[in-house]
Amino acid sequence: MQIETPPTTKPYEKAEGERRGLVIVNTGDGKGKSTAAFGLALRAHGRGKPVRIFQFMKVPSARFGEHRMFEQLGLPIEGLGDGFSWKSQDLERSAQLARDGWEKAKAAILSGELFLVVLDEITYPLIYGWLPLQDVVDTLNSRPKQVHVCLTGRRCPEEIVALADTVTEMKMVKHAFQAGIPAQRGIED
């Protein structure tokens, strides 16, 4: 490790542009995409801003840690899916659930009533061909000026990366699963 001297002057100038809703993408093969989006949602909710989270791969009855906590906080989170594809009994049903869920999420974005809309794991129904990419792109481009949207999932389509304001790629360096350690409740649920 290289020891550094802490900076004594601000390393950047204040941005001069207008404040507006951002499109934020958390993608990549590393852990933390949804976790970062949930932190963003908590930050906005803590400021009294209206937030809604849509989870495209979780079932509506999901009771993971984030669901339990968000319920206590009054932060709406909704599972729109049928679980991951390898758990699905009917992939056409999964595709229809994604399309129906997208219509809900699209309406929430375009309503202009929310400060932040999180589209958790939306990249999967996009790359599986279950959702029309152009409709998602058009919705992001035509959303009300003040609405922020955060999208998560691996292999985010380049068309969304290109229009996004902020893109973070989570890179896996090492993962406990590779060493045979199973997922831990409260860490990876």
N, C-alpha and C. Protein backbone atom coordinates (compact mmCIF):
# COMPACT_ATOMS: atom_id res chain seq x y z
N MET A 1 0.84 -1.17 0.00
CA MET A 1 0.00 0.00 0.00
C MET A 1 0.89 1.24 0.00
N GLN A 2 0.50 2.18 -0.81
CA GLN A 2 1.20 3.46 -0.89
C GLN A 2 0.51 4.45 0.03
N ILE A 3 1.24 5.05 0.95
CA ILE A 3 0.70 6.08 1.84
C ILE A 3 0.64 7.40 1.06
N GLU A 4 -0.48 8.10 1.19
CA GLU A 4 -0.67 9.36 0.48
C GLU A 4 -0.87 10.49 1.48
N THR A 5 -0.55 11.69 1.06
CA THR A 5 -0.83 12.88 1.83
C THR A 5 -2.27 13.30 1.52
N PRO A 6 -3.09 13.54 2.53
CA PRO A 6 -4.47 13.96 2.26
C PRO A 6 -4.48 15.30 1.52
N PRO A 7 -5.40 15.47 0.57
CA PRO A 7 -5.47 16.76 -0.14
C PRO A 7 -5.87 17.88 0.82
N THR A 8 -5.31 19.06 0.61
CA THR A 8 -5.63 20.21 1.45
C THR A 8 -6.48 21.23 0.69
N THR A 9 -6.68 21.00 -0.60
CA THR A 9 -7.57 21.84 -1.40
C THR A 9 -8.58 20.93 -2.08
N LYS A 10 -9.75 21.48 -2.36
CA LYS A 10 -10.80 20.72 -3.03
C LYS A 10 -10.30 20.29 -4.41
N PRO A 11 -10.42 18.99 -4.74
CA PRO A 11 -9.86 18.50 -5.99
C PRO A 11 -10.74 18.75 -7.22
N TYR A 12 -11.81 19.52 -7.06
CA TYR A 12 -12.70 19.79 -8.20
C TYR A 12 -13.40 21.13 -7.99
N GLU A 13 -13.91 21.69 -9.07
CA GLU A 13 -14.67 22.93 -9.01
C GLU A 13 -16.16 22.59 -8.97
N LYS A 14 -16.95 23.46 -8.39
CA LYS A 14 -18.39 23.27 -8.34
C LYS A 14 -18.96 23.29 -9.75
N ALA A 15 -19.84 22.33 -10.06
CA ALA A 15 -20.47 22.28 -11.38
C ALA A 15 -21.41 23.47 -11.55
N GLU A 16 -21.46 24.00 -12.75
CA GLU A 16 -22.25 25.19 -13.02
C GLU A 16 -23.56 24.87 -13.75
N GLY A 17 -23.79 23.63 -14.16
CA GLY A 17 -24.98 23.27 -14.92
C GLY A 17 -26.25 23.30 -14.08
N GLU A 18 -27.38 23.05 -14.74
CA GLU A 18 -28.66 23.05 -14.03
C GLU A 18 -28.89 21.72 -13.31
N ARG A 19 -29.62 21.79 -12.22
CA ARG A 19 -30.02 20.57 -11.52
C ARG A 19 -31.19 19.97 -12.28
N ARG A 20 -31.11 18.66 -12.51
CA ARG A 20 -32.16 17.96 -13.23
C ARG A 20 -32.09 16.49 -12.89
N GLY A 21 -33.12 15.75 -13.25
CA GLY A 21 -33.14 14.32 -13.03
C GLY A 21 -32.03 13.63 -13.81
N LEU A 22 -31.45 12.64 -13.20
CA LEU A 22 -30.35 11.90 -13.81
C LEU A 22 -30.78 10.48 -14.15
N VAL A 23 -30.14 9.90 -15.14
CA VAL A 23 -30.23 8.47 -15.41
C VAL A 23 -28.94 7.87 -14.90
N ILE A 24 -29.06 6.94 -13.96
CA ILE A 24 -27.92 6.34 -13.29
C ILE A 24 -27.97 4.84 -13.57
N VAL A 25 -26.85 4.26 -13.97
CA VAL A 25 -26.77 2.83 -14.28
C VAL A 25 -25.72 2.19 -13.38
N ASN A 26 -26.11 1.10 -12.72
CA ASN A 26 -25.18 0.25 -11.97
C ASN A 26 -25.15 -1.09 -12.69
N THR A 27 -24.03 -1.41 -13.33
CA THR A 27 -23.93 -2.63 -14.12
C THR A 27 -22.62 -3.34 -13.81
N GLY A 28 -22.34 -4.42 -14.50
CA GLY A 28 -21.10 -5.16 -14.31
C GLY A 28 -21.33 -6.51 -13.66
N ASP A 29 -20.25 -7.30 -13.56
CA ASP A 29 -20.37 -8.66 -13.02
C ASP A 29 -20.09 -8.74 -11.52
N GLY A 30 -19.82 -7.61 -10.90
CA GLY A 30 -19.51 -7.60 -9.48
C GLY A 30 -20.73 -7.39 -8.60
N LYS A 31 -20.56 -7.67 -7.32
CA LYS A 31 -21.62 -7.49 -6.34
C LYS A 31 -21.80 -6.01 -6.03
N GLY A 32 -23.04 -5.60 -5.74
CA GLY A 32 -23.27 -4.25 -5.25
C GLY A 32 -24.16 -3.38 -6.11
N LYS A 33 -24.63 -3.87 -7.24
CA LYS A 33 -25.45 -3.04 -8.13
C LYS A 33 -26.76 -2.65 -7.47
N SER A 34 -27.51 -3.64 -7.00
CA SER A 34 -28.78 -3.36 -6.32
C SER A 34 -28.53 -2.66 -5.00
N THR A 35 -27.51 -3.10 -4.28
CA THR A 35 -27.20 -2.51 -2.99
C THR A 35 -26.95 -1.01 -3.12
N ALA A 36 -26.21 -0.60 -4.15
CA ALA A 36 -25.96 0.82 -4.38
C ALA A 36 -27.25 1.56 -4.72
N ALA A 37 -28.10 0.93 -5.53
CA ALA A 37 -29.38 1.57 -5.89
C ALA A 37 -30.26 1.72 -4.65
N PHE A 38 -30.25 0.73 -3.77
CA PHE A 38 -31.06 0.81 -2.55
C PHE A 38 -30.52 1.91 -1.64
N GLY A 39 -29.20 2.07 -1.59
CA GLY A 39 -28.62 3.16 -0.81
C GLY A 39 -29.04 4.52 -1.35
N LEU A 40 -29.09 4.63 -2.65
CA LEU A 40 -29.56 5.86 -3.30
C LEU A 40 -31.02 6.13 -2.93
N ALA A 41 -31.83 5.07 -2.97
CA ALA A 41 -33.25 5.20 -2.61
C ALA A 41 -33.40 5.64 -1.15
N LEU A 42 -32.60 5.06 -0.27
CA LEU A 42 -32.65 5.44 1.15
C LEU A 42 -32.23 6.90 1.34
N ARG A 43 -31.22 7.32 0.62
CA ARG A 43 -30.75 8.70 0.72
C ARG A 43 -31.86 9.66 0.32
N ALA A 44 -32.52 9.38 -0.81
CA ALA A 44 -33.61 10.25 -1.28
C ALA A 44 -34.80 10.20 -0.32
N HIS A 45 -35.16 9.00 0.12
CA HIS A 45 -36.29 8.84 1.06
C HIS A 45 -36.00 9.59 2.36
N GLY A 46 -34.76 9.53 2.81
CA GLY A 46 -34.36 10.23 4.02
C GLY A 46 -34.49 11.74 3.91
N ARG A 47 -34.47 12.26 2.70
CA ARG A 47 -34.66 13.68 2.44
C ARG A 47 -36.13 14.02 2.19
N GLY A 48 -37.00 13.00 2.39
CA GLY A 48 -38.43 13.25 2.21
C GLY A 48 -38.88 13.23 0.76
N LYS A 49 -38.06 12.71 -0.12
CA LYS A 49 -38.39 12.66 -1.55
C LYS A 49 -39.20 11.40 -1.85
N PRO A 50 -40.18 11.49 -2.74
CA PRO A 50 -40.95 10.29 -3.11
C PRO A 50 -40.14 9.37 -4.01
N VAL A 51 -40.06 8.10 -3.60
CA VAL A 51 -39.24 7.09 -4.26
C VAL A 51 -40.08 5.83 -4.47
N ARG A 52 -39.80 5.12 -5.54
CA ARG A 52 -40.45 3.82 -5.77
C ARG A 52 -39.41 2.89 -6.39
N ILE A 53 -39.40 1.65 -5.90
CA ILE A 53 -38.46 0.64 -6.40
C ILE A 53 -39.26 -0.47 -7.07
N PHE A 54 -38.88 -0.80 -8.29
CA PHE A 54 -39.47 -1.91 -9.03
C PHE A 54 -38.37 -2.96 -9.23
N GLN A 55 -38.64 -4.19 -8.83
CA GLN A 55 -37.68 -5.27 -9.00
C GLN A 55 -38.21 -6.23 -10.07
N PHE A 56 -37.53 -6.25 -11.21
CA PHE A 56 -38.02 -6.98 -12.36
C PHE A 56 -37.87 -8.49 -12.25
N MET A 57 -36.99 -8.99 -11.41
CA MET A 57 -36.81 -10.44 -11.32
C MET A 57 -37.35 -11.04 -10.02
N LYS A 58 -37.70 -10.22 -9.05
CA LYS A 58 -38.23 -10.73 -7.79
C LYS A 58 -39.74 -10.94 -7.90
N VAL A 59 -40.23 -11.95 -7.19
CA VAL A 59 -41.66 -12.21 -7.17
C VAL A 59 -42.35 -11.20 -6.26
N PRO A 60 -43.64 -10.91 -6.51
CA PRO A 60 -44.35 -9.93 -5.67
C PRO A 60 -44.37 -10.29 -4.19
N SER A 61 -44.30 -11.57 -3.87
CA SER A 61 -44.35 -12.00 -2.47
C SER A 61 -42.97 -12.07 -1.81
N ALA A 62 -41.92 -11.60 -2.48
CA ALA A 62 -40.56 -11.68 -1.94
C ALA A 62 -40.47 -11.01 -0.57
N ARG A 63 -39.71 -11.61 0.33
CA ARG A 63 -39.53 -11.07 1.68
C ARG A 63 -38.05 -11.04 2.04
N PHE A 64 -37.25 -10.55 1.13
CA PHE A 64 -35.82 -10.41 1.40
C PHE A 64 -35.61 -9.27 2.40
N GLY A 65 -34.39 -9.12 2.86
CA GLY A 65 -34.09 -8.11 3.87
C GLY A 65 -34.50 -6.71 3.45
N GLU A 66 -34.26 -6.37 2.18
CA GLU A 66 -34.62 -5.03 1.73
C GLU A 66 -36.12 -4.81 1.77
N HIS A 67 -36.90 -5.85 1.47
CA HIS A 67 -38.36 -5.71 1.51
C HIS A 67 -38.85 -5.44 2.93
N ARG A 68 -38.30 -6.17 3.87
CA ARG A 68 -38.70 -6.02 5.27
C ARG A 68 -38.36 -4.62 5.79
N MET A 69 -37.17 -4.14 5.45
CA MET A 69 -36.74 -2.83 5.94
C MET A 69 -37.50 -1.71 5.24
N PHE A 70 -37.64 -1.79 3.93
CA PHE A 70 -38.35 -0.74 3.20
C PHE A 70 -39.80 -0.66 3.64
N GLU A 71 -40.40 -1.80 3.95
CA GLU A 71 -41.77 -1.80 4.45
C GLU A 71 -41.85 -1.03 5.77
N GLN A 72 -40.88 -1.25 6.66
CA GLN A 72 -40.86 -0.52 7.94
C GLN A 72 -40.68 0.98 7.73
N LEU A 73 -39.93 1.34 6.71
CA LEU A 73 -39.66 2.75 6.44
C LEU A 73 -40.73 3.42 5.59
N GLY A 74 -41.65 2.63 5.05
CA GLY A 74 -42.67 3.20 4.18
C GLY A 74 -42.16 3.55 2.79
N LEU A 75 -41.13 2.83 2.35
CA LEU A 75 -40.56 3.05 1.03
C LEU A 75 -41.07 1.95 0.10
N PRO A 76 -41.88 2.29 -0.91
CA PRO A 76 -42.50 1.26 -1.74
C PRO A 76 -41.50 0.48 -2.60
N ILE A 77 -41.59 -0.84 -2.50
CA ILE A 77 -40.78 -1.75 -3.32
C ILE A 77 -41.71 -2.83 -3.83
N GLU A 78 -41.62 -3.12 -5.12
CA GLU A 78 -42.56 -4.06 -5.72
C GLU A 78 -41.82 -5.05 -6.61
N GLY A 79 -42.01 -6.34 -6.30
CA GLY A 79 -41.52 -7.39 -7.17
C GLY A 79 -42.46 -7.54 -8.35
N LEU A 80 -41.90 -7.57 -9.54
CA LEU A 80 -42.70 -7.62 -10.75
C LEU A 80 -42.55 -8.95 -11.49
N GLY A 81 -41.66 -9.79 -11.04
CA GLY A 81 -41.28 -10.95 -11.84
C GLY A 81 -41.71 -12.29 -11.29
N ASP A 82 -40.99 -13.29 -11.80
CA ASP A 82 -41.29 -14.69 -11.53
C ASP A 82 -40.04 -15.39 -11.00
N GLY A 83 -39.07 -14.62 -10.52
CA GLY A 83 -37.80 -15.18 -10.11
C GLY A 83 -36.87 -15.27 -11.30
N PHE A 84 -35.64 -15.67 -11.07
CA PHE A 84 -34.70 -15.79 -12.18
C PHE A 84 -35.10 -16.92 -13.11
N SER A 85 -34.71 -16.83 -14.35
CA SER A 85 -35.19 -17.72 -15.42
C SER A 85 -35.03 -19.19 -15.08
N TRP A 86 -33.96 -19.55 -14.39
CA TRP A 86 -33.75 -20.96 -14.07
C TRP A 86 -34.73 -21.47 -13.02
N LYS A 87 -35.43 -20.55 -12.35
CA LYS A 87 -36.44 -20.94 -11.37
C LYS A 87 -37.84 -20.93 -11.97
N SER A 88 -37.99 -20.36 -13.15
CA SER A 88 -39.31 -20.17 -13.75
C SER A 88 -39.88 -21.49 -14.28
N GLN A 89 -41.16 -21.66 -14.11
CA GLN A 89 -41.87 -22.81 -14.67
C GLN A 89 -42.37 -22.51 -16.08
N ASP A 90 -42.42 -21.23 -16.44
CA ASP A 90 -43.01 -20.81 -17.71
C ASP A 90 -42.36 -19.50 -18.14
N LEU A 91 -41.39 -19.59 -19.07
CA LEU A 91 -40.66 -18.39 -19.48
C LEU A 91 -41.54 -17.38 -20.21
N GLU A 92 -42.58 -17.83 -20.91
CA GLU A 92 -43.48 -16.88 -21.57
C GLU A 92 -44.24 -16.08 -20.51
N ARG A 93 -44.62 -16.75 -19.42
CA ARG A 93 -45.27 -16.04 -18.31
C ARG A 93 -44.30 -15.02 -17.71
N SER A 94 -43.04 -15.41 -17.54
CA SER A 94 -42.03 -14.50 -17.02
C SER A 94 -41.89 -13.27 -17.92
N ALA A 95 -41.90 -13.50 -19.23
CA ALA A 95 -41.79 -12.39 -20.19
C ALA A 95 -43.00 -11.47 -20.07
N GLN A 96 -44.19 -12.05 -19.92
CA GLN A 96 -45.40 -11.23 -19.81
C GLN A 96 -45.40 -10.44 -18.51
N LEU A 97 -44.93 -11.06 -17.43
CA LEU A 97 -44.82 -10.33 -16.16
C LEU A 97 -43.87 -9.14 -16.31
N ALA A 98 -42.76 -9.34 -17.02
CA ALA A 98 -41.82 -8.24 -17.24
C ALA A 98 -42.48 -7.12 -18.04
N ARG A 99 -43.23 -7.48 -19.08
CA ARG A 99 -43.91 -6.45 -19.89
C ARG A 99 -44.95 -5.71 -19.07
N ASP A 100 -45.73 -6.45 -18.28
CA ASP A 100 -46.73 -5.81 -17.42
C ASP A 100 -46.06 -4.91 -16.38
N GLY A 101 -44.96 -5.40 -15.81
CA GLY A 101 -44.21 -4.62 -14.84
C GLY A 101 -43.62 -3.36 -15.44
N TRP A 102 -43.13 -3.48 -16.67
CA TRP A 102 -42.58 -2.30 -17.35
C TRP A 102 -43.65 -1.23 -17.51
N GLU A 103 -44.87 -1.63 -17.83
CA GLU A 103 -45.95 -0.64 -17.99
C GLU A 103 -46.19 0.11 -16.68
N LYS A 104 -46.12 -0.58 -15.54
CA LYS A 104 -46.25 0.08 -14.23
C LYS A 104 -45.10 1.05 -13.99
N ALA A 105 -43.88 0.55 -14.24
CA ALA A 105 -42.70 1.38 -14.01
C ALA A 105 -42.69 2.59 -14.95
N LYS A 106 -43.04 2.37 -16.20
CA LYS A 106 -43.09 3.45 -17.18
C LYS A 106 -44.09 4.53 -16.74
N ALA A 107 -45.27 4.10 -16.28
CA ALA A 107 -46.27 5.06 -15.81
C ALA A 107 -45.75 5.85 -14.62
N ALA A 108 -45.04 5.18 -13.71
CA ALA A 108 -44.48 5.86 -12.54
C ALA A 108 -43.45 6.90 -12.96
N ILE A 109 -42.60 6.56 -13.92
CA ILE A 109 -41.58 7.49 -14.40
C ILE A 109 -42.24 8.70 -15.06
N LEU A 110 -43.17 8.44 -15.96
CA LEU A 110 -43.77 9.52 -16.75
C LEU A 110 -44.75 10.38 -15.96
N SER A 111 -45.22 9.86 -14.81
CA SER A 111 -46.18 10.64 -14.02
C SER A 111 -45.56 11.94 -13.49
N GLY A 112 -44.25 11.92 -13.27
CA GLY A 112 -43.59 13.10 -12.72
C GLY A 112 -43.80 13.27 -11.23
N GLU A 113 -44.47 12.33 -10.59
CA GLU A 113 -44.78 12.43 -9.16
C GLU A 113 -43.64 11.94 -8.27
N LEU A 114 -42.69 11.20 -8.83
CA LEU A 114 -41.61 10.61 -8.04
C LEU A 114 -40.30 11.34 -8.29
N PHE A 115 -39.52 11.43 -7.25
CA PHE A 115 -38.18 12.00 -7.35
C PHE A 115 -37.22 10.97 -7.96
N LEU A 116 -37.37 9.70 -7.51
CA LEU A 116 -36.48 8.64 -7.95
C LEU A 116 -37.27 7.37 -8.20
N VAL A 117 -37.00 6.75 -9.33
CA VAL A 117 -37.54 5.43 -9.66
C VAL A 117 -36.36 4.50 -9.86
N VAL A 118 -36.34 3.40 -9.10
CA VAL A 118 -35.29 2.39 -9.25
C VAL A 118 -35.87 1.24 -10.06
N LEU A 119 -35.17 0.88 -11.13
CA LEU A 119 -35.55 -0.25 -11.99
C LEU A 119 -34.52 -1.35 -11.76
N ASP A 120 -34.70 -2.08 -10.67
CA ASP A 120 -33.74 -3.09 -10.24
C ASP A 120 -33.81 -4.32 -11.13
N GLU A 121 -32.66 -4.74 -11.63
CA GLU A 121 -32.52 -5.94 -12.47
C GLU A 121 -33.29 -5.84 -13.78
N ILE A 122 -33.49 -4.62 -14.27
CA ILE A 122 -34.21 -4.44 -15.54
C ILE A 122 -33.39 -4.91 -16.74
N THR A 123 -32.08 -4.98 -16.61
CA THR A 123 -31.28 -5.38 -17.76
C THR A 123 -31.59 -6.81 -18.20
N TYR A 124 -31.99 -7.68 -17.28
CA TYR A 124 -32.24 -9.07 -17.65
C TYR A 124 -33.43 -9.20 -18.60
N PRO A 125 -34.61 -8.65 -18.29
CA PRO A 125 -35.69 -8.75 -19.27
C PRO A 125 -35.36 -8.01 -20.58
N LEU A 126 -34.49 -7.02 -20.53
CA LEU A 126 -34.07 -6.37 -21.77
C LEU A 126 -33.21 -7.30 -22.62
N ILE A 127 -32.19 -7.90 -22.01
CA ILE A 127 -31.28 -8.74 -22.81
C ILE A 127 -31.91 -10.08 -23.18
N TYR A 128 -32.97 -10.50 -22.47
CA TYR A 128 -33.70 -11.71 -22.86
C TYR A 128 -34.70 -11.43 -23.97
N GLY A 129 -34.87 -10.15 -24.34
CA GLY A 129 -35.82 -9.78 -25.39
C GLY A 129 -37.25 -9.71 -24.90
N TRP A 130 -37.45 -9.67 -23.59
CA TRP A 130 -38.81 -9.63 -23.03
C TRP A 130 -39.38 -8.22 -23.04
N LEU A 131 -38.51 -7.21 -23.02
CA LEU A 131 -38.95 -5.81 -23.04
C LEU A 131 -38.41 -5.14 -24.29
N PRO A 132 -39.18 -4.22 -24.86
CA PRO A 132 -38.69 -3.48 -26.03
C PRO A 132 -37.68 -2.41 -25.61
N LEU A 133 -36.44 -2.59 -25.99
CA LEU A 133 -35.38 -1.66 -25.62
C LEU A 133 -35.72 -0.23 -26.03
N GLN A 134 -36.25 -0.06 -27.24
CA GLN A 134 -36.53 1.30 -27.72
C GLN A 134 -37.56 2.01 -26.84
N ASP A 135 -38.54 1.27 -26.32
CA ASP A 135 -39.54 1.88 -25.44
C ASP A 135 -38.89 2.36 -24.14
N VAL A 136 -37.97 1.56 -23.61
CA VAL A 136 -37.26 1.96 -22.39
C VAL A 136 -36.41 3.20 -22.67
N VAL A 137 -35.68 3.20 -23.77
CA VAL A 137 -34.85 4.35 -24.15
C VAL A 137 -35.73 5.59 -24.33
N ASP A 138 -36.84 5.45 -25.06
CA ASP A 138 -37.73 6.59 -25.29
C ASP A 138 -38.31 7.13 -23.99
N THR A 139 -38.66 6.23 -23.07
CA THR A 139 -39.21 6.64 -21.78
C THR A 139 -38.16 7.41 -20.98
N LEU A 140 -36.95 6.91 -20.96
CA LEU A 140 -35.88 7.61 -20.23
C LEU A 140 -35.63 8.99 -20.83
N ASN A 141 -35.66 9.08 -22.15
CA ASN A 141 -35.41 10.35 -22.82
C ASN A 141 -36.56 11.34 -22.68
N SER A 142 -37.79 10.84 -22.49
CA SER A 142 -38.95 11.75 -22.44
C SER A 142 -39.51 11.92 -21.03
N ARG A 143 -38.83 11.39 -20.03
CA ARG A 143 -39.33 11.51 -18.66
C ARG A 143 -39.36 12.98 -18.25
N PRO A 144 -40.20 13.32 -17.28
CA PRO A 144 -40.20 14.70 -16.77
C PRO A 144 -38.80 15.08 -16.27
N LYS A 145 -38.48 16.32 -16.46
CA LYS A 145 -37.14 16.85 -16.21
C LYS A 145 -36.60 16.57 -14.80
N GLN A 146 -37.49 16.49 -13.81
CA GLN A 146 -37.04 16.37 -12.42
C GLN A 146 -36.91 14.92 -11.94
N VAL A 147 -37.27 13.95 -12.77
CA VAL A 147 -37.30 12.54 -12.34
C VAL A 147 -35.95 11.87 -12.57
N HIS A 148 -35.41 11.29 -11.49
CA HIS A 148 -34.19 10.50 -11.54
C HIS A 148 -34.58 9.04 -11.74
N VAL A 149 -33.81 8.30 -12.52
CA VAL A 149 -34.06 6.87 -12.72
C VAL A 149 -32.74 6.14 -12.56
N CYS A 150 -32.75 5.08 -11.74
CA CYS A 150 -31.57 4.24 -11.54
C CYS A 150 -31.89 2.84 -12.04
N LEU A 151 -31.08 2.34 -12.96
CA LEU A 151 -31.25 1.01 -13.54
C LEU A 151 -30.11 0.12 -13.09
N THR A 152 -30.43 -1.14 -12.78
CA THR A 152 -29.39 -2.07 -12.36
C THR A 152 -29.45 -3.36 -13.17
N GLY A 153 -28.33 -4.08 -13.15
CA GLY A 153 -28.25 -5.40 -13.77
C GLY A 153 -27.00 -5.54 -14.63
N ARG A 154 -26.63 -6.78 -14.85
CA ARG A 154 -25.46 -7.07 -15.69
C ARG A 154 -25.74 -6.76 -17.16
N ARG A 155 -24.67 -6.51 -17.88
CA ARG A 155 -24.71 -6.35 -19.34
C ARG A 155 -25.75 -5.32 -19.79
N CYS A 156 -25.72 -4.16 -19.19
CA CYS A 156 -26.65 -3.10 -19.57
C CYS A 156 -26.48 -2.78 -21.05
N PRO A 157 -27.58 -2.70 -21.79
CA PRO A 157 -27.48 -2.39 -23.22
C PRO A 157 -26.76 -1.06 -23.47
N GLU A 158 -25.94 -1.05 -24.49
CA GLU A 158 -25.13 0.12 -24.83
C GLU A 158 -25.99 1.36 -25.07
N GLU A 159 -27.18 1.18 -25.61
CA GLU A 159 -28.06 2.31 -25.87
C GLU A 159 -28.43 3.04 -24.58
N ILE A 160 -28.58 2.30 -23.49
CA ILE A 160 -28.89 2.92 -22.20
C ILE A 160 -27.63 3.53 -21.59
N VAL A 161 -26.52 2.83 -21.70
CA VAL A 161 -25.25 3.38 -21.21
C VAL A 161 -24.96 4.72 -21.90
N ALA A 162 -25.23 4.79 -23.20
CA ALA A 162 -24.94 6.01 -23.96
C ALA A 162 -25.78 7.20 -23.48
N LEU A 163 -27.02 7.00 -23.10
CA LEU A 163 -27.86 8.13 -22.69
C LEU A 163 -27.75 8.44 -21.20
N ALA A 164 -27.18 7.53 -20.43
CA ALA A 164 -27.09 7.72 -18.98
C ALA A 164 -26.16 8.88 -18.63
N ASP A 165 -26.45 9.49 -17.48
CA ASP A 165 -25.59 10.56 -16.96
C ASP A 165 -24.44 9.99 -16.15
N THR A 166 -24.71 8.93 -15.40
CA THR A 166 -23.70 8.30 -14.55
C THR A 166 -23.79 6.79 -14.73
N VAL A 167 -22.67 6.17 -15.02
CA VAL A 167 -22.62 4.71 -15.18
C VAL A 167 -21.50 4.19 -14.31
N THR A 168 -21.83 3.23 -13.45
CA THR A 168 -20.82 2.58 -12.63
C THR A 168 -20.80 1.11 -12.98
N GLU A 169 -19.62 0.60 -13.28
CA GLU A 169 -19.48 -0.82 -13.57
C GLU A 169 -18.84 -1.50 -12.37
N MET A 170 -19.61 -2.38 -11.74
CA MET A 170 -19.10 -3.14 -10.61
C MET A 170 -18.28 -4.30 -11.19
N LYS A 171 -17.03 -4.39 -10.79
CA LYS A 171 -16.15 -5.42 -11.32
C LYS A 171 -15.85 -6.45 -10.23
N MET A 172 -16.08 -7.72 -10.54
CA MET A 172 -15.77 -8.75 -9.57
C MET A 172 -14.25 -8.96 -9.56
N VAL A 173 -13.68 -8.82 -8.40
CA VAL A 173 -12.26 -9.10 -8.21
C VAL A 173 -12.13 -10.47 -7.56
N LYS A 174 -13.03 -10.74 -6.60
CA LYS A 174 -13.02 -11.99 -5.87
C LYS A 174 -14.40 -12.15 -5.26
N HIS A 175 -14.93 -13.36 -5.23
CA HIS A 175 -16.26 -13.58 -4.65
C HIS A 175 -16.24 -14.87 -3.82
N ALA A 176 -16.85 -14.81 -2.65
CA ALA A 176 -16.88 -15.96 -1.73
C ALA A 176 -17.48 -17.20 -2.40
N PHE A 177 -18.44 -17.03 -3.28
CA PHE A 177 -19.09 -18.16 -3.96
C PHE A 177 -18.06 -19.00 -4.72
N GLN A 178 -17.04 -18.34 -5.27
CA GLN A 178 -15.99 -19.05 -6.01
C GLN A 178 -15.20 -19.99 -5.10
N ALA A 179 -15.19 -19.71 -3.82
CA ALA A 179 -14.49 -20.56 -2.84
C ALA A 179 -15.43 -21.59 -2.22
N GLY A 180 -16.66 -21.69 -2.78
CA GLY A 180 -17.60 -22.68 -2.28
C GLY A 180 -18.44 -22.22 -1.11
N ILE A 181 -18.39 -20.93 -0.79
CA ILE A 181 -19.16 -20.40 0.33
C ILE A 181 -20.53 -19.98 -0.19
N PRO A 182 -21.60 -20.53 0.38
CA PRO A 182 -22.94 -20.18 -0.12
C PRO A 182 -23.34 -18.75 0.26
N ALA A 183 -24.39 -18.26 -0.42
CA ALA A 183 -24.91 -16.93 -0.13
C ALA A 183 -25.30 -16.83 1.35
N GLN A 184 -25.10 -15.66 1.91
CA GLN A 184 -25.36 -15.43 3.33
C GLN A 184 -26.59 -14.52 3.47
N ARG A 185 -27.60 -14.98 4.20
CA ARG A 185 -28.78 -14.14 4.43
C ARG A 185 -28.36 -12.86 5.11
N GLY A 186 -28.91 -11.76 4.62
CA GLY A 186 -28.56 -10.44 5.15
C GLY A 186 -27.41 -9.80 4.41
N ILE A 187 -26.67 -10.57 3.62
CA ILE A 187 -25.59 -10.05 2.80
C ILE A 187 -25.96 -10.15 1.32
N GLU A 188 -26.46 -11.31 0.92
CA GLU A 188 -26.80 -11.55 -0.49
C GLU A 188 -28.21 -12.07 -0.63
N ASP A 189 -29.17 -11.44 0.00
CA ASP A 189 -30.52 -11.93 -0.20
C ASP A 189 -31.28 -10.95 -0.98
